[in-house]
Amino acid sequence: MDLQDQLKNLFPDHEVSTNSTEGQKNAKDDTDIWMQEDPIICKYEKRKGKPITILEGYTGAEEDFKKLAKELKTKLSVGGSFKDDSIIIQGDYRDKIMTILKAKGFKVKRVGG
């Protein structure tokens, strides 16, 4: 007798709902980011001889931009930070970042190189 059967014996009137709240919560997180009219600027620089990619120009809430930074870092498996309303990603990942942002519905403009 498994756990489901034991629970049915204890609570015969209870109906099991098939909707999972976690699935709905995760779907909501993807659409929570505020979209904007102006494009996000994706530029390339070298600092201390090492390449970095900088994303600037997001006009939404700072928390949304931090969520976006974390998501980009995990998808690309790279390090980075969020400073002064810009996302700094270690390495030259402009093309990959631009495809990820375009898939999310952002307008992206490539600057530098």
PDB file of N, CA and C in Angstrom:
ATOM      1  N   MET A   1       0.851  -1.170   0.000  1.00  0.00           N
ATOM      2  CA  MET A   1       0.000   0.000   0.000  1.00  0.00           C
ATOM      3  C   MET A   1       0.904   1.243   0.000  1.00  0.00           C
ATOM      4  N   ASP A   2       0.757   2.069  -0.991  1.00  0.00           N
ATOM      5  CA  ASP A   2       1.603   3.258  -1.066  1.00  0.00           C
ATOM      6  C   ASP A   2       0.959   4.426  -0.327  1.00  0.00           C
ATOM      7  N   LEU A   3       1.650   5.541  -0.322  1.00  0.00           N
ATOM      8  CA  LEU A   3       1.216   6.710   0.431  1.00  0.00           C
ATOM      9  C   LEU A   3      -0.115   7.272  -0.074  1.00  0.00           C
ATOM     10  N   GLN A   4      -0.318   7.263  -1.378  1.00  0.00           N
ATOM     11  CA  GLN A   4      -1.579   7.767  -1.939  1.00  0.00           C
ATOM     12  C   GLN A   4      -2.778   6.962  -1.430  1.00  0.00           C
ATOM     13  N   ASP A   5      -2.628   5.637  -1.392  1.00  0.00           N
ATOM     14  CA  ASP A   5      -3.721   4.792  -0.910  1.00  0.00           C
ATOM     15  C   ASP A   5      -3.992   5.030   0.573  1.00  0.00           C
ATOM     16  N   GLN A   6      -2.939   5.212   1.356  1.00  0.00           N
ATOM     17  CA  GLN A   6      -3.105   5.478   2.785  1.00  0.00           C
ATOM     18  C   GLN A   6      -3.826   6.804   3.010  1.00  0.00           C
ATOM     19  N   LEU A   7      -3.461   7.813   2.226  1.00  0.00           N
ATOM     20  CA  LEU A   7      -4.130   9.107   2.348  1.00  0.00           C
ATOM     21  C   LEU A   7      -5.602   9.013   1.950  1.00  0.00           C
ATOM     22  N   LYS A   8      -5.909   8.223   0.919  1.00  0.00           N
ATOM     23  CA  LYS A   8      -7.301   8.047   0.507  1.00  0.00           C
ATOM     24  C   LYS A   8      -8.114   7.371   1.605  1.00  0.00           C
ATOM     25  N   ASN A   9      -7.491   6.421   2.314  1.00  0.00           N
ATOM     26  CA  ASN A   9      -8.186   5.755   3.415  1.00  0.00           C
ATOM     27  C   ASN A   9      -8.438   6.715   4.573  1.00  0.00           C
ATOM     28  N   LEU A  10      -7.480   7.600   4.853  1.00  0.00           N
ATOM     29  CA  LEU A  10      -7.632   8.541   5.955  1.00  0.00           C
ATOM     30  C   LEU A  10      -8.618   9.663   5.624  1.00  0.00           C
ATOM     31  N   PHE A  11      -8.582  10.139   4.371  1.00  0.00           N
ATOM     32  CA  PHE A  11      -9.421  11.262   3.945  1.00  0.00           C
ATOM     33  C   PHE A  11     -10.195  10.877   2.688  1.00  0.00           C
ATOM     34  N   PRO A  12     -11.288  10.141   2.850  1.00  0.00           N
ATOM     35  CA  PRO A  12     -12.010   9.662   1.659  1.00  0.00           C
ATOM     36  C   PRO A  12     -12.713  10.778   0.875  1.00  0.00           C
ATOM     37  N   ASP A  13     -13.046  11.891   1.533  1.00  0.00           N
ATOM     38  CA  ASP A  13     -13.762  12.973   0.841  1.00  0.00           C
ATOM     39  C   ASP A  13     -12.839  13.927   0.090  1.00  0.00           C
ATOM     40  N   HIS A  14     -11.536  13.833   0.344  1.00  0.00           N
ATOM     41  CA  HIS A  14     -10.588  14.769  -0.276  1.00  0.00           C
ATOM     42  C   HIS A  14     -10.383  14.439  -1.754  1.00  0.00           C
ATOM     43  N   GLU A  15     -10.444  15.482  -2.582  1.00  0.00           N
ATOM     44  CA  GLU A  15     -10.189  15.315  -4.013  1.00  0.00           C
ATOM     45  C   GLU A  15      -8.810  15.867  -4.332  1.00  0.00           C
ATOM     46  N   VAL A  16      -8.018  15.102  -5.051  1.00  0.00           N
ATOM     47  CA  VAL A  16      -6.665  15.506  -5.402  1.00  0.00           C
ATOM     48  C   VAL A  16      -6.723  16.436  -6.599  1.00  0.00           C
ATOM     49  N   SER A  17      -6.127  17.618  -6.447  1.00  0.00           N
ATOM     50  CA  SER A  17      -6.105  18.558  -7.568  1.00  0.00           C
ATOM     51  C   SER A  17      -4.915  18.245  -8.463  1.00  0.00           C
ATOM     52  N   THR A  18      -5.099  18.409  -9.771  1.00  0.00           N
ATOM     53  CA  THR A  18      -4.031  18.091 -10.715  1.00  0.00           C
ATOM     54  C   THR A  18      -3.181  19.302 -11.049  1.00  0.00           C
ATOM     55  N   ASN A  19      -3.599  20.509 -10.645  1.00  0.00           N
ATOM     56  CA  ASN A  19      -2.829  21.718 -10.921  1.00  0.00           C
ATOM     57  C   ASN A  19      -1.688  21.822  -9.930  1.00  0.00           C
ATOM     58  N   SER A  20      -0.475  21.974 -10.439  1.00  0.00           N
ATOM     59  CA  SER A  20       0.657  22.173  -9.534  1.00  0.00           C
ATOM     60  C   SER A  20       0.950  23.659  -9.443  1.00  0.00           C
ATOM     61  N   THR A  21       1.119  24.143  -8.245  1.00  0.00           N
ATOM     62  CA  THR A  21       1.386  25.570  -8.055  1.00  0.00           C
ATOM     63  C   THR A  21       2.798  25.923  -8.485  1.00  0.00           C
ATOM     64  N   GLU A  22       3.727  24.983  -8.429  1.00  0.00           N
ATOM     65  CA  GLU A  22       5.103  25.277  -8.838  1.00  0.00           C
ATOM     66  C   GLU A  22       5.188  25.543 -10.331  1.00  0.00           C
ATOM     67  N   GLY A  23       4.484  24.769 -11.134  1.00  0.00           N
ATOM     68  CA  GLY A  23       4.502  24.971 -12.581  1.00  0.00           C
ATOM     69  C   GLY A  23       3.925  26.317 -12.964  1.00  0.00           C
ATOM     70  N   GLN A  24       2.861  26.728 -12.268  1.00  0.00           N
ATOM     71  CA  GLN A  24       2.274  28.033 -12.545  1.00  0.00           C
ATOM     72  C   GLN A  24       3.190  29.148 -12.082  1.00  0.00           C
ATOM     73  N   LYS A  25       3.893  28.947 -10.979  1.00  0.00           N
ATOM     74  CA  LYS A  25       4.799  29.977 -10.462  1.00  0.00           C
ATOM     75  C   LYS A  25       5.974  30.190 -11.412  1.00  0.00           C
ATOM     76  N   ASN A  26       6.546  29.091 -11.935  1.00  0.00           N
ATOM     77  CA  ASN A  26       7.674  29.216 -12.858  1.00  0.00           C
ATOM     78  C   ASN A  26       7.251  29.877 -14.166  1.00  0.00           C
ATOM     79  N   ALA A  27       6.072  29.577 -14.645  1.00  0.00           N
ATOM     80  CA  ALA A  27       5.596  30.210 -15.871  1.00  0.00           C
ATOM     81  C   ALA A  27       5.383  31.701 -15.644  1.00  0.00           C
ATOM     82  N   LYS A  28       4.962  32.064 -14.443  1.00  0.00           N
ATOM     83  CA  LYS A  28       4.748  33.468 -14.137  1.00  0.00           C
ATOM     84  C   LYS A  28       6.061  34.235 -14.084  1.00  0.00           C
ATOM     85  N   ASP A  29       7.130  33.591 -13.573  1.00  0.00           N
ATOM     86  CA  ASP A  29       8.420  34.263 -13.462  1.00  0.00           C
ATOM     87  C   ASP A  29       8.981  34.656 -14.825  1.00  0.00           C
ATOM     88  N   ASP A  30       8.709  33.864 -15.863  1.00  0.00           N
ATOM     89  CA  ASP A  30       9.237  34.178 -17.183  1.00  0.00           C
ATOM     90  C   ASP A  30       8.599  35.428 -17.769  1.00  0.00           C
ATOM     91  N   THR A  31       7.345  35.691 -17.417  1.00  0.00           N
ATOM     92  CA  THR A  31       6.650  36.829 -18.004  1.00  0.00           C
ATOM     93  C   THR A  31       6.658  38.051 -17.104  1.00  0.00           C
ATOM     94  N   ASP A  32       7.269  37.941 -15.920  1.00  0.00           N
ATOM     95  CA  ASP A  32       7.278  39.064 -14.985  1.00  0.00           C
ATOM     96  C   ASP A  32       8.201  40.195 -15.406  1.00  0.00           C
ATOM     97  N   ILE A  33       9.166  39.935 -16.264  1.00  0.00           N
ATOM     98  CA  ILE A  33      10.138  40.962 -16.627  1.00  0.00           C
ATOM     99  C   ILE A  33       9.459  42.016 -17.495  1.00  0.00           C
ATOM    100  N   TRP A  34       9.662  43.272 -17.136  1.00  0.00           N
ATOM    101  CA  TRP A  34       9.027  44.385 -17.818  1.00  0.00           C
ATOM    102  C   TRP A  34       9.720  44.643 -19.147  1.00  0.00           C
ATOM    103  N   MET A  35       8.954  44.699 -20.228  1.00  0.00           N
ATOM    104  CA  MET A  35       9.509  44.981 -21.551  1.00  0.00           C
ATOM    105  C   MET A  35       9.563  46.492 -21.769  1.00  0.00           C
ATOM    106  N   GLN A  36      10.449  46.915 -22.653  1.00  0.00           N
ATOM    107  CA  GLN A  36      10.660  48.344 -22.867  1.00  0.00           C
ATOM    108  C   GLN A  36      10.693  48.665 -24.345  1.00  0.00           C
ATOM    109  N   GLU A  37      10.626  49.946 -24.658  1.00  0.00           N
ATOM    110  CA  GLU A  37      10.625  50.402 -26.045  1.00  0.00           C
ATOM    111  C   GLU A  37      12.047  50.561 -26.582  1.00  0.00           C
ATOM    112  N   ASP A  38      12.952  51.137 -25.785  1.00  0.00           N
ATOM    113  CA  ASP A  38      14.325  51.365 -26.228  1.00  0.00           C
ATOM    114  C   ASP A  38      15.104  50.057 -26.197  1.00  0.00           C
ATOM    115  N   PRO A  39      16.039  49.862 -27.137  1.00  0.00           N
ATOM    116  CA  PRO A  39      16.812  48.618 -27.140  1.00  0.00           C
ATOM    117  C   PRO A  39      17.849  48.581 -26.014  1.00  0.00           C
ATOM    118  N   ILE A  40      18.157  47.373 -25.596  1.00  0.00           N
ATOM    119  CA  ILE A  40      19.237  47.167 -24.634  1.00  0.00           C
ATOM    120  C   ILE A  40      20.539  47.195 -25.422  1.00  0.00           C
ATOM    121  N   ILE A  41      21.514  47.943 -24.942  1.00  0.00           N
ATOM    122  CA  ILE A  41      22.795  48.079 -25.640  1.00  0.00           C
ATOM    123  C   ILE A  41      23.729  46.973 -25.169  1.00  0.00           C
ATOM    124  N   CYS A  42      24.240  46.202 -26.108  1.00  0.00           N
ATOM    125  CA  CYS A  42      25.151  45.100 -25.826  1.00  0.00           C
ATOM    126  C   CYS A  42      26.506  45.474 -26.397  1.00  0.00           C
ATOM    127  N   LYS A  43      27.462  45.797 -25.529  1.00  0.00           N
ATOM    128  CA  LYS A  43      28.759  46.234 -26.032  1.00  0.00           C
ATOM    129  C   LYS A  43      29.892  45.399 -25.464  1.00  0.00           C
ATOM    130  N   TYR A  44      31.012  45.480 -26.144  1.00  0.00           N
ATOM    131  CA  TYR A  44      32.195  44.678 -25.846  1.00  0.00           C
ATOM    132  C   TYR A  44      33.333  45.602 -25.442  1.00  0.00           C
ATOM    133  N   GLU A  45      34.016  45.237 -24.370  1.00  0.00           N
ATOM    134  CA  GLU A  45      35.186  45.996 -23.914  1.00  0.00           C
ATOM    135  C   GLU A  45      36.249  45.025 -23.441  1.00  0.00           C
ATOM    136  N   LYS A  46      37.454  45.563 -23.270  1.00  0.00           N
ATOM    137  CA  LYS A  46      38.518  44.805 -22.633  1.00  0.00           C
ATOM    138  C   LYS A  46      38.953  45.572 -21.398  1.00  0.00           C
ATOM    139  N   ARG A  47      38.959  44.893 -20.274  1.00  0.00           N
ATOM    140  CA  ARG A  47      39.426  45.486 -19.032  1.00  0.00           C
ATOM    141  C   ARG A  47      40.551  44.620 -18.502  1.00  0.00           C
ATOM    142  N   LYS A  48      41.700  45.256 -18.301  1.00  0.00           N
ATOM    143  CA  LYS A  48      42.914  44.555 -17.850  1.00  0.00           C
ATOM    144  C   LYS A  48      43.259  43.395 -18.790  1.00  0.00           C
ATOM    145  N   GLY A  49      43.019  43.599 -20.082  1.00  0.00           N
ATOM    146  CA  GLY A  49      43.367  42.606 -21.092  1.00  0.00           C
ATOM    147  C   GLY A  49      42.362  41.485 -21.256  1.00  0.00           C
ATOM    148  N   LYS A  50      41.292  41.481 -20.475  1.00  0.00           N
ATOM    149  CA  LYS A  50      40.310  40.398 -20.552  1.00  0.00           C
ATOM    150  C   LYS A  50      39.005  40.919 -21.150  1.00  0.00           C
ATOM    151  N   PRO A  51      38.387  40.133 -22.040  1.00  0.00           N
ATOM    152  CA  PRO A  51      37.154  40.588 -22.691  1.00  0.00           C
ATOM    153  C   PRO A  51      35.950  40.503 -21.752  1.00  0.00           C
ATOM    154  N   ILE A  52      35.070  41.486 -21.849  1.00  0.00           N
ATOM    155  CA  ILE A  52      33.806  41.473 -21.115  1.00  0.00           C
ATOM    156  C   ILE A  52      32.696  41.970 -22.023  1.00  0.00           C
ATOM    157  N   THR A  53      31.488  41.568 -21.733  1.00  0.00           N
ATOM    158  CA  THR A  53      30.301  42.021 -22.439  1.00  0.00           C
ATOM    159  C   THR A  53      29.453  42.819 -21.457  1.00  0.00           C
ATOM    160  N   ILE A  54      29.031  44.010 -21.866  1.00  0.00           N
ATOM    161  CA  ILE A  54      28.267  44.884 -20.995  1.00  0.00           C
ATOM    162  C   ILE A  54      26.884  45.119 -21.594  1.00  0.00           C
ATOM    163  N   LEU A  55      25.849  44.960 -20.769  1.00  0.00           N
ATOM    164  CA  LEU A  55      24.472  45.233 -21.179  1.00  0.00           C
ATOM    165  C   LEU A  55      23.985  46.454 -20.419  1.00  0.00           C
ATOM    166  N   GLU A  56      23.522  47.460 -21.149  1.00  0.00           N
ATOM    167  CA  GLU A  56      23.046  48.702 -20.542  1.00  0.00           C
ATOM    168  C   GLU A  56      21.750  49.120 -21.206  1.00  0.00           C
ATOM    169  N   GLY A  57      21.050  50.047 -20.555  1.00  0.00           N
ATOM    170  CA  GLY A  57      19.877  50.653 -21.168  1.00  0.00           C
ATOM    171  C   GLY A  57      18.553  50.052 -20.767  1.00  0.00           C
ATOM    172  N   TYR A  58      18.512  49.236 -19.734  1.00  0.00           N
ATOM    173  CA  TYR A  58      17.242  48.678 -19.272  1.00  0.00           C
ATOM    174  C   TYR A  58      16.546  49.712 -18.405  1.00  0.00           C
ATOM    175  N   THR A  59      15.286  49.998 -18.698  1.00  0.00           N
ATOM    176  CA  THR A  59      14.582  51.061 -17.977  1.00  0.00           C
ATOM    177  C   THR A  59      13.560  50.530 -16.979  1.00  0.00           C
ATOM    178  N   GLY A  60      13.490  49.222 -16.787  1.00  0.00           N
ATOM    179  CA  GLY A  60      12.529  48.642 -15.856  1.00  0.00           C
ATOM    180  C   GLY A  60      13.047  48.654 -14.428  1.00  0.00           C
ATOM    181  N   ALA A  61      12.458  47.813 -13.608  1.00  0.00           N
ATOM    182  CA  ALA A  61      12.846  47.727 -12.203  1.00  0.00           C
ATOM    183  C   ALA A  61      14.209  47.062 -12.061  1.00  0.00           C
ATOM    184  N   GLU A  62      14.923  47.455 -11.027  1.00  0.00           N
ATOM    185  CA  GLU A  62      16.269  46.923 -10.804  1.00  0.00           C
ATOM    186  C   GLU A  62      16.231  45.430 -10.497  1.00  0.00           C
ATOM    187  N   GLU A  63      15.198  44.974  -9.796  1.00  0.00           N
ATOM    188  CA  GLU A  63      15.083  43.553  -9.479  1.00  0.00           C
ATOM    189  C   GLU A  63      14.936  42.710 -10.744  1.00  0.00           C
ATOM    190  N   ASP A  64      14.169  43.209 -11.716  1.00  0.00           N
ATOM    191  CA  ASP A  64      14.005  42.489 -12.976  1.00  0.00           C
ATOM    192  C   ASP A  64      15.333  42.377 -13.715  1.00  0.00           C
ATOM    193  N   PHE A  65      16.112  43.451 -13.672  1.00  0.00           N
ATOM    194  CA  PHE A  65      17.409  43.448 -14.348  1.00  0.00           C
ATOM    195  C   PHE A  65      18.350  42.462 -13.651  1.00  0.00           C
ATOM    196  N   LYS A  66      18.267  42.371 -12.339  1.00  0.00           N
ATOM    197  CA  LYS A  66      19.085  41.406 -11.597  1.00  0.00           C
ATOM    198  C   LYS A  66      18.676  39.972 -11.932  1.00  0.00           C
ATOM    199  N   LYS A  67      17.368  39.730 -12.077  1.00  0.00           N
ATOM    200  CA  LYS A  67      16.885  38.404 -12.483  1.00  0.00           C
ATOM    201  C   LYS A  67      17.419  38.043 -13.861  1.00  0.00           C
ATOM    202  N   LEU A  68      17.390  39.025 -14.755  1.00  0.00           N
ATOM    203  CA  LEU A  68      17.886  38.804 -16.111  1.00  0.00           C
ATOM    204  C   LEU A  68      19.377  38.499 -16.092  1.00  0.00           C
ATOM    205  N   ALA A  69      20.129  39.214 -15.253  1.00  0.00           N
ATOM    206  CA  ALA A  69      21.574  38.977 -15.144  1.00  0.00           C
ATOM    207  C   ALA A  69      21.843  37.567 -14.646  1.00  0.00           C
ATOM    208  N   LYS A  70      21.115  37.138 -13.646  1.00  0.00           N
ATOM    209  CA  LYS A  70      21.318  35.798 -13.097  1.00  0.00           C
ATOM    210  C   LYS A  70      20.979  34.730 -14.120  1.00  0.00           C
ATOM    211  N   GLU A  71      19.899  34.951 -14.857  1.00  0.00           N
ATOM    212  CA  GLU A  71      19.499  33.979 -15.868  1.00  0.00           C
ATOM    213  C   GLU A  71      20.536  33.874 -16.986  1.00  0.00           C
ATOM    214  N   LEU A  72      21.062  35.011 -17.434  1.00  0.00           N
ATOM    215  CA  LEU A  72      22.083  34.997 -18.486  1.00  0.00           C
ATOM    216  C   LEU A  72      23.340  34.280 -18.006  1.00  0.00           C
ATOM    217  N   LYS A  73      23.748  34.556 -16.781  1.00  0.00           N
ATOM    218  CA  LYS A  73      24.960  33.928 -16.251  1.00  0.00           C
ATOM    219  C   LYS A  73      24.802  32.421 -16.133  1.00  0.00           C
ATOM    220  N   THR A  74      23.626  31.957 -15.725  1.00  0.00           N
ATOM    221  CA  THR A  74      23.429  30.517 -15.597  1.00  0.00           C
ATOM    222  C   THR A  74      23.312  29.837 -16.963  1.00  0.00           C
ATOM    223  N   LYS A  75      22.642  30.499 -17.918  1.00  0.00           N
ATOM    224  CA  LYS A  75      22.514  29.898 -19.254  1.00  0.00           C
ATOM    225  C   LYS A  75      23.864  29.812 -19.961  1.00  0.00           C
ATOM    226  N   LEU A  76      24.698  30.824 -19.775  1.00  0.00           N
ATOM    227  CA  LEU A  76      26.000  30.839 -20.446  1.00  0.00           C
ATOM    228  C   LEU A  76      27.090  30.157 -19.625  1.00  0.00           C
ATOM    229  N   SER A  77      26.803  29.844 -18.366  1.00  0.00           N
ATOM    230  CA  SER A  77      27.774  29.229 -17.449  1.00  0.00           C
ATOM    231  C   SER A  77      29.035  30.066 -17.327  1.00  0.00           C
ATOM    232  N   VAL A  78      28.845  31.355 -17.096  1.00  0.00           N
ATOM    233  CA  VAL A  78      29.972  32.271 -16.937  1.00  0.00           C
ATOM    234  C   VAL A  78      29.759  33.127 -15.692  1.00  0.00           C
ATOM    235  N   GLY A  79      30.798  33.841 -15.313  1.00  0.00           N
ATOM    236  CA  GLY A  79      30.701  34.763 -14.196  1.00  0.00           C
ATOM    237  C   GLY A  79      30.281  36.129 -14.680  1.00  0.00           C
ATOM    238  N   GLY A  80      29.923  36.970 -13.737  1.00  0.00           N
ATOM    239  CA  GLY A  80      29.526  38.320 -14.082  1.00  0.00           C
ATOM    240  C   GLY A  80      29.005  39.032 -12.862  1.00  0.00           C
ATOM    241  N   SER A  81      28.562  40.257 -13.070  1.00  0.00           N
ATOM    242  CA  SER A  81      28.038  41.028 -11.950  1.00  0.00           C
ATOM    243  C   SER A  81      27.023  42.034 -12.453  1.00  0.00           C
ATOM    244  N   PHE A  82      26.347  42.661 -11.498  1.00  0.00           N
ATOM    245  CA  PHE A  82      25.387  43.713 -11.778  1.00  0.00           C
ATOM    246  C   PHE A  82      25.845  44.949 -11.033  1.00  0.00           C
ATOM    247  N   LYS A  83      26.279  45.976 -11.765  1.00  0.00           N
ATOM    248  CA  LYS A  83      26.768  47.208 -11.145  1.00  0.00           C
ATOM    249  C   LYS A  83      26.276  48.413 -11.942  1.00  0.00           C
ATOM    250  N   ASP A  84      25.908  49.473 -11.236  1.00  0.00           N
ATOM    251  CA  ASP A  84      25.564  50.755 -11.851  1.00  0.00           C
ATOM    252  C   ASP A  84      24.577  50.608 -13.007  1.00  0.00           C
ATOM    253  N   ASP A  85      23.506  49.874 -12.798  1.00  0.00           N
ATOM    254  CA  ASP A  85      22.467  49.659 -13.811  1.00  0.00           C
ATOM    255  C   ASP A  85      23.011  49.061 -15.102  1.00  0.00           C
ATOM    256  N   SER A  86      23.999  48.178 -14.989  1.00  0.00           N
ATOM    257  CA  SER A  86      24.506  47.457 -16.154  1.00  0.00           C
ATOM    258  C   SER A  86      24.901  46.046 -15.725  1.00  0.00           C
ATOM    259  N   ILE A  87      24.777  45.121 -16.661  1.00  0.00           N
ATOM    260  CA  ILE A  87      25.175  43.742 -16.425  1.00  0.00           C
ATOM    261  C   ILE A  87      26.542  43.546 -17.071  1.00  0.00           C
ATOM    262  N   ILE A  88      27.489  43.013 -16.319  1.00  0.00           N
ATOM    263  CA  ILE A  88      28.824  42.748 -16.833  1.00  0.00           C
ATOM    264  C   ILE A  88      29.006  41.234 -16.861  1.00  0.00           C
ATOM    265  N   ILE A  89      29.226  40.688 -18.052  1.00  0.00           N
ATOM    266  CA  ILE A  89      29.437  39.258 -18.249  1.00  0.00           C
ATOM    267  C   ILE A  89      30.888  39.041 -18.655  1.00  0.00           C
ATOM    268  N   GLN A  90      31.546  38.084 -18.031  1.00  0.00           N
ATOM    269  CA  GLN A  90      32.940  37.798 -18.353  1.00  0.00           C
ATOM    270  C   GLN A  90      33.016  37.045 -19.670  1.00  0.00           C
ATOM    271  N   GLY A  91      33.760  37.592 -20.625  1.00  0.00           N
ATOM    272  CA  GLY A  91      33.930  36.969 -21.931  1.00  0.00           C
ATOM    273  C   GLY A  91      33.131  37.678 -23.007  1.00  0.00           C
ATOM    274  N   ASP A  92      33.416  37.334 -24.263  1.00  0.00           N
ATOM    275  CA  ASP A  92      32.722  37.927 -25.408  1.00  0.00           C
ATOM    276  C   ASP A  92      31.584  37.002 -25.815  1.00  0.00           C
ATOM    277  N   TYR A  93      30.405  37.246 -25.274  1.00  0.00           N
ATOM    278  CA  TYR A  93      29.229  36.432 -25.551  1.00  0.00           C
ATOM    279  C   TYR A  93      28.121  37.261 -26.177  1.00  0.00           C
ATOM    280  N   ARG A  94      28.475  38.272 -26.950  1.00  0.00           N
ATOM    281  CA  ARG A  94      27.464  39.174 -27.510  1.00  0.00           C
ATOM    282  C   ARG A  94      26.432  38.445 -28.350  1.00  0.00           C
ATOM    283  N   ASP A  95      26.894  37.561 -29.225  1.00  0.00           N
ATOM    284  CA  ASP A  95      25.960  36.875 -30.125  1.00  0.00           C
ATOM    285  C   ASP A  95      24.981  35.994 -29.350  1.00  0.00           C
ATOM    286  N   LYS A  96      25.490  35.224 -28.405  1.00  0.00           N
ATOM    287  CA  LYS A  96      24.626  34.340 -27.622  1.00  0.00           C
ATOM    288  C   LYS A  96      23.654  35.146 -26.761  1.00  0.00           C
ATOM    289  N   ILE A  97      24.139  36.211 -26.145  1.00  0.00           N
ATOM    290  CA  ILE A  97      23.277  37.049 -25.302  1.00  0.00           C
ATOM    291  C   ILE A  97      22.190  37.697 -26.145  1.00  0.00           C
ATOM    292  N   MET A  98      22.556  38.166 -27.325  1.00  0.00           N
ATOM    293  CA  MET A  98      21.571  38.817 -28.184  1.00  0.00           C
ATOM    294  C   MET A  98      20.482  37.832 -28.616  1.00  0.00           C
ATOM    295  N   THR A  99      20.837  36.582 -28.924  1.00  0.00           N
ATOM    296  CA  THR A  99      19.817  35.598 -29.310  1.00  0.00           C
ATOM    297  C   THR A  99      18.911  35.253 -28.129  1.00  0.00           C
ATOM    298  N   ILE A 100      19.482  35.161 -26.913  1.00  0.00           N
ATOM    299  CA  ILE A 100      18.668  34.872 -25.727  1.00  0.00           C
ATOM    300  C   ILE A 100      17.685  36.009 -25.466  1.00  0.00           C
ATOM    301  N   LEU A 101      18.178  37.252 -25.539  1.00  0.00           N
ATOM    302  CA  LEU A 101      17.311  38.404 -25.270  1.00  0.00           C
ATOM    303  C   LEU A 101      16.239  38.576 -26.345  1.00  0.00           C
ATOM    304  N   LYS A 102      16.593  38.321 -27.607  1.00  0.00           N
ATOM    305  CA  LYS A 102      15.598  38.425 -28.681  1.00  0.00           C
ATOM    306  C   LYS A 102      14.516  37.361 -28.524  1.00  0.00           C
ATOM    307  N   ALA A 103      14.911  36.167 -28.054  1.00  0.00           N
ATOM    308  CA  ALA A 103      13.929  35.105 -27.819  1.00  0.00           C
ATOM    309  C   ALA A 103      12.968  35.487 -26.691  1.00  0.00           C
ATOM    310  N   LYS A 104      13.445  36.289 -25.739  1.00  0.00           N
ATOM    311  CA  LYS A 104      12.594  36.750 -24.641  1.00  0.00           C
ATOM    312  C   LYS A 104      11.709  37.927 -25.063  1.00  0.00           C
ATOM    313  N   GLY A 105      12.007  38.542 -26.214  1.00  0.00           N
ATOM    314  CA  GLY A 105      11.181  39.626 -26.712  1.00  0.00           C
ATOM    315  C   GLY A 105      11.802  41.013 -26.559  1.00  0.00           C
ATOM    316  N   PHE A 106      13.055  41.089 -26.161  1.00  0.00           N
ATOM    317  CA  PHE A 106      13.735  42.378 -26.022  1.00  0.00           C
ATOM    318  C   PHE A 106      14.279  42.834 -27.359  1.00  0.00           C
ATOM    319  N   LYS A 107      14.413  44.139 -27.499  1.00  0.00           N
ATOM    320  CA  LYS A 107      15.122  44.722 -28.639  1.00  0.00           C
ATOM    321  C   LYS A 107      16.570  44.913 -28.182  1.00  0.00           C
ATOM    322  N   VAL A 108      17.517  44.463 -29.002  1.00  0.00           N
ATOM    323  CA  VAL A 108      18.929  44.533 -28.621  1.00  0.00           C
ATOM    324  C   VAL A 108      19.705  45.223 -29.720  1.00  0.00           C
ATOM    325  N   LYS A 109      20.627  46.097 -29.319  1.00  0.00           N
ATOM    326  CA  LYS A 109      21.481  46.802 -30.266  1.00  0.00           C
ATOM    327  C   LYS A 109      22.924  46.468 -29.951  1.00  0.00           C
ATOM    328  N   ARG A 110      23.677  46.036 -30.972  1.00  0.00           N
ATOM    329  CA  ARG A 110      25.071  45.651 -30.797  1.00  0.00           C
ATOM    330  C   ARG A 110      25.950  46.871 -31.003  1.00  0.00           C
ATOM    331  N   VAL A 111      26.881  47.109 -30.062  1.00  0.00           N
ATOM    332  CA  VAL A 111      27.766  48.248 -30.130  1.00  0.00           C
ATOM    333  C   VAL A 111      29.199  47.766 -29.921  1.00  0.00           C
ATOM    334  N   GLY A 112      30.123  48.273 -30.708  1.00  0.00           N
ATOM    335  CA  GLY A 112      31.549  47.993 -30.521  1.00  0.00           C
ATOM    336  C   GLY A 112      31.991  46.694 -31.151  1.00  0.00           C
ATOM    337  N   GLY A 113      32.848  46.802 -32.143  1.00  0.00           N
ATOM    338  CA  GLY A 113      33.493  45.646 -32.766  1.00  0.00           C
ATOM    339  C   GLY A 113      32.613  44.828 -33.614  1.00  0.00           C
TER     340      GLY A 113
END
